[in-house]
N, C-alpha and C. Protein backbone atom coordinates (compact mmCIF):
# COMPACT_ATOMS: atom_id res chain seq x y z
N MET A 1 35.67 74.53 168.66
CA MET A 1 36.07 75.31 168.40
C MET A 1 35.64 76.37 167.67
N PRO A 2 36.71 77.46 168.45
CA PRO A 2 37.09 78.68 168.17
C PRO A 2 37.02 79.33 166.48
N PHE A 3 36.01 80.11 166.63
CA PHE A 3 36.20 81.56 165.37
C PHE A 3 37.88 81.65 165.03
N VAL A 4 38.35 81.42 164.22
CA VAL A 4 39.41 81.96 163.53
C VAL A 4 40.02 82.41 162.67
N PRO A 5 39.84 84.12 162.14
CA PRO A 5 39.72 84.79 161.00
C PRO A 5 41.29 84.11 160.13
N ILE A 6 40.83 83.84 158.60
CA ILE A 6 41.23 83.73 158.16
C ILE A 6 43.48 84.30 157.71
N ALA A 7 42.93 85.84 158.22
CA ALA A 7 43.76 86.86 158.14
C ALA A 7 45.29 86.80 159.62
N LEU A 8 44.15 85.61 160.15
CA LEU A 8 45.17 85.80 161.72
C LEU A 8 46.37 84.26 161.63
N ILE A 9 45.80 83.62 160.03
CA ILE A 9 46.42 81.65 160.60
C ILE A 9 48.32 81.80 159.95
N PRO A 10 49.04 81.89 161.02
CA PRO A 10 50.16 82.28 160.14
C PRO A 10 50.94 80.98 159.00
N LYS A 11 51.10 81.63 157.68
CA LYS A 11 51.60 81.01 156.68
C LYS A 11 52.58 79.81 157.14
N PRO A 12 52.41 79.34 156.54
CA PRO A 12 53.48 77.59 157.09
C PRO A 12 55.10 78.05 157.08
N SER A 13 55.35 78.78 156.09
CA SER A 13 56.80 79.19 156.04
C SER A 13 56.95 79.81 157.07
N THR A 14 56.46 80.72 158.08
CA THR A 14 56.81 81.63 159.43
C THR A 14 56.48 80.63 159.94
N ALA A 15 55.52 79.74 160.40
CA ALA A 15 55.12 79.32 161.41
C ALA A 15 56.49 77.99 161.71
N LEU A 16 56.67 77.77 160.58
CA LEU A 16 57.29 76.52 160.99
C LEU A 16 59.13 76.64 160.60
N GLY A 17 59.32 77.91 160.09
CA GLY A 17 59.93 78.52 159.82
C GLY A 17 61.11 77.59 158.09
N PRO A 18 61.52 78.94 157.48
CA PRO A 18 61.86 77.78 156.62
C PRO A 18 62.82 76.27 156.38
N ALA A 19 63.27 75.67 157.06
CA ALA A 19 63.72 74.47 156.80
C ALA A 19 62.52 73.45 157.07
N LEU A 20 61.91 73.51 157.88
CA LEU A 20 60.98 72.74 158.22
C LEU A 20 59.62 73.40 156.99
N SER A 21 59.47 73.62 156.63
CA SER A 21 58.23 74.42 155.78
C SER A 21 57.78 73.97 154.76
N PRO A 22 56.26 72.97 154.57
CA PRO A 22 56.12 72.17 153.88
C PRO A 22 56.22 72.31 152.57
N LEU A 23 56.34 73.30 152.42
CA LEU A 23 55.90 73.91 150.74
C LEU A 23 57.75 73.36 149.77
N ARG A 24 58.53 73.56 150.79
CA ARG A 24 59.90 73.35 150.25
C ARG A 24 60.05 71.58 149.49
N GLU A 25 60.94 71.69 148.70
CA GLU A 25 61.11 70.50 147.77
C GLU A 25 62.25 69.77 148.96
N PRO A 26 61.89 68.43 148.82
CA PRO A 26 62.57 68.09 149.52
C PRO A 26 64.51 67.42 148.91
N THR A 27 65.04 67.37 149.16
CA THR A 27 66.29 67.45 148.62
C THR A 27 66.96 65.75 147.58
N SER A 28 65.53 64.86 148.05
CA SER A 28 66.01 64.70 146.75
C SER A 28 65.30 63.79 145.81
N ALA A 29 64.13 64.41 145.65
CA ALA A 29 63.54 65.73 144.48
C ALA A 29 64.76 66.37 143.62
N LEU A 30 65.89 66.70 144.21
CA LEU A 30 66.30 67.73 143.06
C LEU A 30 67.20 67.02 142.30
N PRO A 31 67.56 67.67 140.94
CA PRO A 31 68.26 67.27 139.65
C PRO A 31 69.65 66.36 140.66
N LEU A 32 69.97 65.73 139.24
CA LEU A 32 71.35 65.03 139.47
C LEU A 32 72.41 66.09 138.93
N SER A 33 73.72 66.62 139.75
CA SER A 33 74.64 67.01 139.11
C SER A 33 74.84 67.30 138.09
N TYR A 34 75.31 68.64 136.99
CA TYR A 34 75.53 68.34 136.02
C TYR A 34 76.64 67.45 135.28
N ASN A 35 77.11 66.45 135.96
CA ASN A 35 78.03 65.58 135.13
C ASN A 35 78.31 64.38 135.77
N GLN A 36 76.55 64.27 136.32
CA GLN A 36 76.67 62.35 136.65
C GLN A 36 75.44 62.31 135.61
N ALA A 37 75.64 61.42 134.85
CA ALA A 37 74.62 60.92 133.42
C ALA A 37 73.41 59.91 134.26
N SER A 38 72.77 59.82 134.06
CA SER A 38 71.93 58.73 134.58
C SER A 38 71.52 57.76 132.84
N MET A 39 71.24 56.77 133.99
CA MET A 39 71.00 55.66 133.22
C MET A 39 69.36 55.06 132.67
N LYS A 40 68.80 54.83 131.59
CA LYS A 40 67.39 54.34 131.90
C LYS A 40 67.16 52.85 131.31
N ALA A 41 66.63 52.06 132.46
CA ALA A 41 66.93 50.66 131.93
C ALA A 41 64.88 50.54 131.72
N TYR A 42 64.91 49.50 130.90
CA TYR A 42 63.08 49.72 129.80
C TYR A 42 63.16 47.85 130.48
N VAL A 43 62.47 47.25 131.38
CA VAL A 43 62.09 45.74 131.91
C VAL A 43 61.21 45.63 131.05
N TYR A 44 60.75 44.47 130.75
CA TYR A 44 59.64 44.18 129.88
C TYR A 44 59.57 42.67 130.93
N VAL A 45 58.48 42.38 131.01
CA VAL A 45 57.66 41.11 131.66
C VAL A 45 57.03 40.22 131.23
N SER A 46 56.95 38.71 130.96
CA SER A 46 55.49 38.44 130.09
C SER A 46 55.54 37.33 130.53
N LEU A 47 54.76 36.53 130.43
CA LEU A 47 54.24 35.55 130.61
C LEU A 47 55.27 34.43 130.19
N LYS A 48 55.56 33.31 131.20
CA LYS A 48 56.28 32.33 130.58
C LYS A 48 55.05 31.24 128.61
N LYS A 49 56.22 30.96 127.66
CA LYS A 49 55.12 30.23 127.06
C LYS A 49 54.40 29.23 127.57
N SER A 50 55.08 28.35 128.58
CA SER A 50 54.72 27.55 129.03
C SER A 50 53.55 27.91 129.64
N VAL A 51 52.36 28.92 130.20
CA VAL A 51 51.66 29.31 130.25
C VAL A 51 50.90 29.88 130.25
N LEU A 52 49.33 29.43 130.21
CA LEU A 52 47.90 30.30 129.40
C LEU A 52 47.82 31.31 129.84
N ASP A 53 47.78 32.05 128.68
CA ASP A 53 47.34 34.13 129.21
C ASP A 53 45.91 34.68 128.72
N PRO A 54 45.11 34.31 129.41
CA PRO A 54 43.45 34.17 129.56
C PRO A 54 42.84 35.94 129.16
N GLN A 55 43.51 36.24 129.74
CA GLN A 55 43.78 38.59 129.71
C GLN A 55 44.12 38.60 127.56
N GLY A 56 45.53 37.87 128.00
CA GLY A 56 45.68 37.71 126.16
C GLY A 56 44.43 37.71 125.45
N LYS A 57 43.72 36.26 125.77
CA LYS A 57 43.33 35.81 124.51
C LYS A 57 42.05 36.50 124.85
N THR A 58 41.60 37.24 125.84
CA THR A 58 40.17 38.10 125.41
C THR A 58 40.78 39.59 124.91
N ILE A 59 41.74 39.88 124.82
CA ILE A 59 42.10 40.98 124.13
C ILE A 59 42.35 40.54 122.88
N GLN A 60 42.50 39.22 122.59
CA GLN A 60 42.41 38.47 121.17
C GLN A 60 41.23 38.67 120.25
N GLY A 61 40.35 38.25 121.31
CA GLY A 61 39.09 38.03 120.64
C GLY A 61 38.27 39.09 120.89
N ALA A 62 38.46 40.29 121.71
CA ALA A 62 38.01 41.70 121.66
C ALA A 62 38.66 42.32 120.72
N LEU A 63 39.73 42.21 119.92
CA LEU A 63 40.60 43.08 118.54
C LEU A 63 39.45 42.52 117.69
N LYS A 64 39.41 40.78 116.87
CA LYS A 64 39.23 39.90 115.95
C LYS A 64 37.60 40.51 116.62
N LYS A 65 36.82 40.68 117.04
CA LYS A 65 35.15 41.23 117.04
C LYS A 65 34.57 42.28 116.84
N MET A 66 36.29 43.11 117.42
CA MET A 66 35.89 44.62 116.13
C MET A 66 36.56 45.36 115.31
N GLY A 67 37.33 43.27 114.37
CA GLY A 67 37.11 44.17 113.04
C GLY A 67 38.80 43.73 112.15
N TYR A 68 39.62 43.83 113.26
CA TYR A 68 41.26 43.80 112.87
C TYR A 68 41.51 42.09 112.74
N GLN A 69 42.35 42.32 111.61
CA GLN A 69 42.18 41.22 110.30
C GLN A 69 43.41 40.87 110.78
N GLY A 70 43.79 39.98 110.21
CA GLY A 70 45.51 39.28 110.39
C GLY A 70 46.62 39.11 112.38
N LEU A 71 45.02 38.82 112.65
CA LEU A 71 45.74 38.81 114.13
C LEU A 71 46.02 37.57 114.16
N GLN A 72 47.06 37.02 114.53
CA GLN A 72 47.25 35.47 114.90
C GLN A 72 47.71 34.73 116.27
N ASP A 73 48.01 35.67 117.37
CA ASP A 73 47.97 35.47 118.82
C ASP A 73 48.42 37.00 119.33
N LEU A 74 48.19 37.17 120.21
CA LEU A 74 47.88 38.02 121.25
C LEU A 74 48.66 37.16 122.60
N ARG A 75 49.54 38.19 123.39
CA ARG A 75 50.06 37.76 124.90
C ARG A 75 49.72 39.20 125.84
N GLN A 76 50.04 39.04 126.64
CA GLN A 76 49.76 40.38 127.46
C GLN A 76 51.50 40.25 128.31
N GLY A 77 51.84 41.55 128.56
CA GLY A 77 52.68 41.45 130.15
C GLY A 77 52.59 43.08 130.24
N LYS A 78 54.24 43.16 131.15
CA LYS A 78 53.69 43.92 131.71
C LYS A 78 56.06 45.33 131.55
N TYR A 79 55.62 46.65 131.54
CA TYR A 79 56.56 47.23 131.47
C TYR A 79 56.80 48.23 132.05
N PHE A 80 58.25 48.29 132.44
CA PHE A 80 58.60 49.28 133.53
C PHE A 80 59.54 49.96 132.74
N GLU A 81 59.83 51.28 133.24
CA GLU A 81 61.24 52.35 133.35
C GLU A 81 61.09 52.53 134.34
N ILE A 82 62.78 52.11 134.51
CA ILE A 82 63.45 52.49 135.42
C ILE A 82 64.73 53.63 135.50
N THR A 83 64.67 54.63 135.97
CA THR A 83 65.89 55.47 135.55
C THR A 83 66.76 55.57 136.82
N LEU A 84 67.89 54.86 136.80
CA LEU A 84 68.65 55.15 137.71
C LEU A 84 70.01 56.03 137.70
N ASP A 85 70.74 56.65 139.29
CA ASP A 85 71.46 57.77 138.85
C ASP A 85 73.18 57.44 138.36
N GLY A 86 73.77 58.04 138.11
CA GLY A 86 75.00 57.93 137.71
C GLY A 86 75.82 57.62 138.63
N ALA A 87 76.23 57.62 139.70
CA ALA A 87 76.27 56.45 140.48
C ALA A 87 77.18 55.19 140.06
N LEU A 88 76.35 54.70 139.47
CA LEU A 88 76.24 52.48 138.83
C LEU A 88 77.01 52.77 138.39
N SER A 89 77.65 51.95 137.87
CA SER A 89 78.69 51.63 136.34
C SER A 89 77.71 50.74 135.52
N ARG A 90 77.82 50.75 134.38
CA ARG A 90 77.59 49.79 133.20
C ARG A 90 77.31 48.33 134.21
N GLU A 91 78.46 47.72 134.35
CA GLU A 91 77.83 46.31 135.13
C GLU A 91 77.29 46.14 136.32
N GLN A 92 77.41 47.67 137.02
CA GLN A 92 76.48 47.54 138.33
C GLN A 92 75.09 47.54 138.24
N VAL A 93 74.93 48.71 136.88
CA VAL A 93 73.14 49.16 136.54
C VAL A 93 72.64 47.13 136.24
N GLN A 94 73.22 46.67 135.24
CA GLN A 94 72.95 45.36 135.09
C GLN A 94 72.84 44.49 135.86
N ASN A 95 73.11 44.61 136.75
CA ASN A 95 72.73 43.40 137.85
C ASN A 95 72.01 44.34 138.95
N GLU A 96 71.73 45.06 138.74
CA GLU A 96 70.69 45.83 140.40
C GLU A 96 69.47 45.33 139.39
N VAL A 97 69.97 45.96 138.07
CA VAL A 97 68.48 45.61 136.47
C VAL A 97 67.70 44.33 137.46
N GLU A 98 68.75 43.82 137.03
CA GLU A 98 68.22 41.70 136.82
C GLU A 98 67.91 41.10 138.27
N ARG A 99 68.66 42.20 139.99
CA ARG A 99 67.78 41.63 140.57
C ARG A 99 67.07 42.12 140.67
N MET A 100 66.58 43.24 140.01
CA MET A 100 64.81 43.77 140.72
C MET A 100 64.01 43.43 139.88
N ALA A 101 64.32 43.07 139.31
CA ALA A 101 63.30 42.00 137.82
C ALA A 101 63.24 40.44 138.76
N ARG A 102 64.32 39.74 139.09
CA ARG A 102 64.37 38.57 139.52
C ARG A 102 63.43 38.72 140.44
N GLU A 103 63.84 39.40 141.72
CA GLU A 103 62.95 39.18 142.80
C GLU A 103 61.37 40.08 142.88
N VAL A 104 61.26 41.07 142.67
CA VAL A 104 60.31 41.80 142.78
C VAL A 104 59.20 42.27 141.36
N LEU A 105 59.77 42.44 140.59
CA LEU A 105 58.90 42.58 139.13
C LEU A 105 58.09 41.42 138.47
N THR A 106 58.82 40.44 138.50
CA THR A 106 58.32 39.45 138.17
C THR A 106 58.09 38.16 138.79
N ASN A 107 57.48 36.97 138.85
CA ASN A 107 56.79 35.77 139.82
C ASN A 107 57.80 35.00 138.54
N PRO A 108 58.99 34.23 139.42
CA PRO A 108 59.85 33.65 138.50
C PRO A 108 59.15 32.03 138.01
N VAL A 109 58.41 31.90 138.29
CA VAL A 109 57.51 30.76 138.48
C VAL A 109 56.74 30.52 137.29
N ILE A 110 55.91 31.75 136.43
CA ILE A 110 55.35 32.27 135.40
C ILE A 110 55.57 33.20 134.91
N GLU A 111 56.31 33.49 135.43
CA GLU A 111 56.72 35.59 134.08
C GLU A 111 58.35 34.78 133.75
N GLU A 112 58.21 35.28 132.48
CA GLU A 112 59.65 35.99 132.87
C GLU A 112 60.24 37.49 132.37
N PHE A 113 61.47 37.50 132.13
CA PHE A 113 61.37 39.70 131.62
C PHE A 113 62.76 39.33 130.65
N ARG A 114 63.03 40.27 129.72
CA ARG A 114 63.83 40.58 128.95
C ARG A 114 64.49 41.88 129.37
N TYR A 115 65.62 43.18 129.26
CA TYR A 115 65.51 44.59 129.29
C TYR A 115 66.39 45.21 128.26
N SER A 116 66.44 46.36 127.90
CA SER A 116 67.73 46.96 127.21
C SER A 116 68.15 48.10 128.29
N LEU A 117 69.03 48.71 127.77
CA LEU A 117 69.25 50.08 128.87
C LEU A 117 70.02 51.10 128.15
N GLU A 118 69.91 52.23 128.28
CA GLU A 118 70.31 53.45 127.70
C GLU A 118 70.25 54.51 128.41
N GLU A 119 71.94 54.95 127.72
CA GLU A 119 72.56 55.97 128.33
C GLU A 119 72.06 57.64 128.06
C-alpha cells in the first residue's frame, strides 16, 4: 500500500457528498415534531410464582450474609422502558405493548408480565 500523506486524504463530507456523509444523522434519529406526544411503557417481567427462582434465592442468600435484616423472600426479574411515538392512540399502544410482552419480552411458559403507561 503506498504512503498517502494525511493532508491528501479527502474529508468524508466532500468525498461522498453531503447526502452520503457518514457524519450525518439518520432521519429516524431526529426528534418528534412538537405536536406529537410520545408515550412511555414500563414493562415488568417476572417468573411465575410456581417457577423456582434460583437466581433470586442466590441474591437473597448473599443479602442475608451481608447483614441485611427483615428479608423474607426475593425474586428477580426484568424491566423494560419502551418509548412509543405519538402516532398511536392509547388503546393501540396498550395492544402493541401487550403483544410485544407476550411475543418477545417474556417466555409465557415460565414468566408473567405487567405494565404501566405514561403520557
